[in-house]
Amino acid sequence: MPPSNENPGSATTLGWLKLKFDGSFNTNNGKSDIGGLIRDPYAYGKLVMTYTAEVHAKHPLESELLALQREISHATELDASAIQIEGDYPALITTVQNSANLTWDLMPLGNIARVC
């Protein structure tokens, strides 16, 4: 993954962003890392930003959740009006899509998300 660039700019072409995220978890030592990238799908996939971070998680799913939360937070900072989400945990993405009744802070864009 490219070096971290956690300085989001402004809204992108047509307000759409494509989010790719991943979390890793080492069961032997409990270390967890997350990372992702954001692209503008209407500007020929122009890279908008990337990030990596070490996080504290107790389970691989928690690591994935933290990665998605960070990704949606960055999309919110970029004033995205719609997002596409791509990750290797489809059930998590489906949960975000069907999140009308969730109250946690992952949800600011949940109602406009679609799976890639």
C-alpha atoms as a PDB file:
ATOM      1  CA  MET A   1       0.000   0.000   0.000  1.00  0.00           C
ATOM      2  CA  PRO A   2       1.263   3.549  -0.733  1.00  0.00           C
ATOM      3  CA  PRO A   3       2.398   5.745   2.164  1.00  0.00           C
ATOM      4  CA  SER A   4      -0.344   7.151   4.346  1.00  0.00           C
ATOM      5  CA  ASN A   5      -1.966  10.396   3.229  1.00  0.00           C
ATOM      6  CA  GLU A   6      -4.542  11.366   5.816  1.00  0.00           C
ATOM      7  CA  ASN A   7      -5.121  14.865   4.466  1.00  0.00           C
ATOM      8  CA  PRO A   8      -8.456  14.665   2.685  1.00  0.00           C
ATOM      9  CA  GLY A   9      -9.072  17.385   0.113  1.00  0.00           C
ATOM     10  CA  SER A  10     -12.432  18.493  -1.183  1.00  0.00           C
ATOM     11  CA  ALA A  11     -15.396  16.848  -2.867  1.00  0.00           C
ATOM     12  CA  THR A  12     -14.646  14.957  -6.055  1.00  0.00           C
ATOM     13  CA  THR A  13     -16.262  14.632  -9.448  1.00  0.00           C
ATOM     14  CA  LEU A  14     -20.040  14.346  -9.032  1.00  0.00           C
ATOM     15  CA  GLY A  15     -19.583  13.696  -5.294  1.00  0.00           C
ATOM     16  CA  TRP A  16     -19.034   9.937  -5.769  1.00  0.00           C
ATOM     17  CA  LEU A  17     -16.198   8.110  -4.040  1.00  0.00           C
ATOM     18  CA  LYS A  18     -15.093   4.473  -4.212  1.00  0.00           C
ATOM     19  CA  LEU A  19     -13.835   3.150  -0.876  1.00  0.00           C
ATOM     20  CA  LYS A  20     -11.584   0.099  -0.538  1.00  0.00           C
ATOM     21  CA  PHE A  21     -10.723  -1.035   2.973  1.00  0.00           C
ATOM     22  CA  ASP A  22      -9.131  -3.951   4.790  1.00  0.00           C
ATOM     23  CA  GLY A  23      -8.228  -4.955   8.303  1.00  0.00           C
ATOM     24  CA  SER A  24      -5.688  -7.499   9.472  1.00  0.00           C
ATOM     25  CA  PHE A  25      -5.462  -9.295  12.788  1.00  0.00           C
ATOM     26  CA  ASN A  26      -2.661 -11.494  14.086  1.00  0.00           C
ATOM     27  CA  THR A  27      -4.099 -14.105  16.435  1.00  0.00           C
ATOM     28  CA  ASN A  28      -0.633 -14.946  17.764  1.00  0.00           C
ATOM     29  CA  ASN A  29       0.189 -11.505  19.146  1.00  0.00           C
ATOM     30  CA  GLY A  30      -3.110  -9.583  18.931  1.00  0.00           C
ATOM     31  CA  LYS A  31      -1.700  -6.880  16.637  1.00  0.00           C
ATOM     32  CA  SER A  32      -4.118  -5.311  14.208  1.00  0.00           C
ATOM     33  CA  ASP A  33      -3.647  -2.963  11.270  1.00  0.00           C
ATOM     34  CA  ILE A  34      -6.102  -1.277   8.948  1.00  0.00           C
ATOM     35  CA  GLY A  35      -5.729   0.419   5.635  1.00  0.00           C
ATOM     36  CA  GLY A  36      -7.600   1.654   2.654  1.00  0.00           C
ATOM     37  CA  LEU A  37      -7.809   3.921  -0.295  1.00  0.00           C
ATOM     38  CA  ILE A  38     -10.351   6.254  -1.776  1.00  0.00           C
ATOM     39  CA  ARG A  39     -10.742   6.809  -5.509  1.00  0.00           C
ATOM     40  CA  ASP A  40     -12.864   9.078  -7.676  1.00  0.00           C
ATOM     41  CA  PRO A  41     -14.592   6.616 -10.039  1.00  0.00           C
ATOM     42  CA  TYR A  42     -15.603   9.421 -12.425  1.00  0.00           C
ATOM     43  CA  ALA A  43     -12.070  10.752 -12.837  1.00  0.00           C
ATOM     44  CA  TYR A  44     -10.665   7.528 -14.303  1.00  0.00           C
ATOM     45  CA  GLY A  45     -10.143   6.097 -10.823  1.00  0.00           C
ATOM     46  CA  LYS A  46      -8.003   9.010  -9.641  1.00  0.00           C
ATOM     47  CA  LEU A  47      -6.505   8.258  -6.234  1.00  0.00           C
ATOM     48  CA  VAL A  48      -7.925  10.708  -3.698  1.00  0.00           C
ATOM     49  CA  MET A  49      -6.202   9.402  -0.562  1.00  0.00           C
ATOM     50  CA  THR A  50      -4.729   6.369   1.186  1.00  0.00           C
ATOM     51  CA  TYR A  51      -4.215   5.513   4.830  1.00  0.00           C
ATOM     52  CA  THR A  52      -2.756   2.868   7.098  1.00  0.00           C
ATOM     53  CA  ALA A  53      -2.958   2.664  10.867  1.00  0.00           C
ATOM     54  CA  GLU A  54      -2.252   0.333  13.750  1.00  0.00           C
ATOM     55  CA  VAL A  55      -5.395  -0.161  15.825  1.00  0.00           C
ATOM     56  CA  HIS A  56      -6.447  -2.080  18.918  1.00  0.00           C
ATOM     57  CA  ALA A  57      -8.847  -4.904  18.096  1.00  0.00           C
ATOM     58  CA  LYS A  58      -9.776  -8.125  19.836  1.00  0.00           C
ATOM     59  CA  HIS A  59     -11.092  -9.979  16.800  1.00  0.00           C
ATOM     60  CA  PRO A  60     -10.555  -9.955  13.015  1.00  0.00           C
ATOM     61  CA  LEU A  61     -14.101  -8.658  12.456  1.00  0.00           C
ATOM     62  CA  GLU A  62     -13.428  -5.736  14.779  1.00  0.00           C
ATOM     63  CA  SER A  63     -10.393  -4.867  12.673  1.00  0.00           C
ATOM     64  CA  GLU A  64     -12.548  -4.851   9.518  1.00  0.00           C
ATOM     65  CA  LEU A  65     -15.155  -2.688  11.261  1.00  0.00           C
ATOM     66  CA  LEU A  66     -12.517  -0.175  12.335  1.00  0.00           C
ATOM     67  CA  ALA A  67     -11.152  -0.009   8.789  1.00  0.00           C
ATOM     68  CA  LEU A  68     -14.613   0.664   7.358  1.00  0.00           C
ATOM     69  CA  GLN A  69     -15.353   3.233  10.047  1.00  0.00           C
ATOM     70  CA  ARG A  70     -12.147   5.118   9.206  1.00  0.00           C
ATOM     71  CA  GLU A  71     -12.972   4.927   5.494  1.00  0.00           C
ATOM     72  CA  ILE A  72     -16.468   6.338   5.936  1.00  0.00           C
ATOM     73  CA  SER A  73     -15.100   9.061   8.214  1.00  0.00           C
ATOM     74  CA  HIS A  74     -12.694  10.137   5.453  1.00  0.00           C
ATOM     75  CA  ALA A  75     -15.493  10.073   2.861  1.00  0.00           C
ATOM     76  CA  THR A  76     -17.569  12.312   5.127  1.00  0.00           C
ATOM     77  CA  GLU A  77     -14.655  14.761   5.426  1.00  0.00           C
ATOM     78  CA  LEU A  78     -14.468  14.790   1.619  1.00  0.00           C
ATOM     79  CA  ASP A  79     -18.170  15.760   1.392  1.00  0.00           C
ATOM     80  CA  ALA A  80     -19.078  12.658  -0.605  1.00  0.00           C
ATOM     81  CA  SER A  81     -22.708  12.563  -1.672  1.00  0.00           C
ATOM     82  CA  ALA A  82     -22.569   8.847  -2.553  1.00  0.00           C
ATOM     83  CA  ILE A  83     -20.102   6.022  -1.993  1.00  0.00           C
ATOM     84  CA  GLN A  84     -19.216   2.623  -3.373  1.00  0.00           C
ATOM     85  CA  ILE A  85     -17.708   0.232  -0.824  1.00  0.00           C
ATOM     86  CA  GLU A  86     -15.322  -2.591  -1.639  1.00  0.00           C
ATOM     87  CA  GLY A  87     -13.911  -4.940   0.955  1.00  0.00           C
ATOM     88  CA  ASP A  88     -13.355  -8.630   1.579  1.00  0.00           C
ATOM     89  CA  TYR A  89     -16.148  -9.019   4.139  1.00  0.00           C
ATOM     90  CA  PRO A  90     -19.469  -8.861   2.201  1.00  0.00           C
ATOM     91  CA  ALA A  91     -21.679  -9.273   5.290  1.00  0.00           C
ATOM     92  CA  LEU A  92     -20.191  -6.108   6.771  1.00  0.00           C
ATOM     93  CA  ILE A  93     -20.905  -4.144   3.587  1.00  0.00           C
ATOM     94  CA  THR A  94     -24.473  -5.473   3.444  1.00  0.00           C
ATOM     95  CA  THR A  95     -24.960  -4.398   7.058  1.00  0.00           C
ATOM     96  CA  VAL A  96     -23.937  -0.848   6.149  1.00  0.00           C
ATOM     97  CA  GLN A  97     -26.328  -0.842   3.187  1.00  0.00           C
ATOM     98  CA  ASN A  98     -29.204  -1.945   5.425  1.00  0.00           C
ATOM     99  CA  SER A  99     -28.278   0.339   8.285  1.00  0.00           C
ATOM    100  CA  ALA A 100     -31.276   2.618   8.540  1.00  0.00           C
ATOM    101  CA  ASN A 101     -31.809   1.710  12.209  1.00  0.00           C
ATOM    102  CA  LEU A 102     -28.180   1.587  13.364  1.00  0.00           C
ATOM    103  CA  THR A 103     -27.193   4.355  15.740  1.00  0.00           C
ATOM    104  CA  TRP A 104     -23.398   4.123  15.773  1.00  0.00           C
ATOM    105  CA  ASP A 105     -21.177   6.625  13.996  1.00  0.00           C
ATOM    106  CA  LEU A 106     -20.486   4.411  10.963  1.00  0.00           C
ATOM    107  CA  MET A 107     -23.805   5.424   9.508  1.00  0.00           C
ATOM    108  CA  PRO A 108     -23.585   8.939   8.023  1.00  0.00           C
ATOM    109  CA  LEU A 109     -23.396   7.526   4.491  1.00  0.00           C
ATOM    110  CA  GLY A 110     -24.924   4.098   5.004  1.00  0.00           C
ATOM    111  CA  ASN A 111     -28.137   4.955   3.175  1.00  0.00           C
ATOM    112  CA  ILE A 112     -26.288   5.884  -0.022  1.00  0.00           C
ATOM    113  CA  ALA A 113     -23.728   3.076  -0.084  1.00  0.00           C
ATOM    114  CA  ARG A 114     -23.691   0.342  -2.691  1.00  0.00           C
ATOM    115  CA  VAL A 115     -21.513  -2.726  -3.048  1.00  0.00           C
ATOM    116  CA  CYS A 116     -18.970  -2.888  -5.869  1.00  0.00           C
END
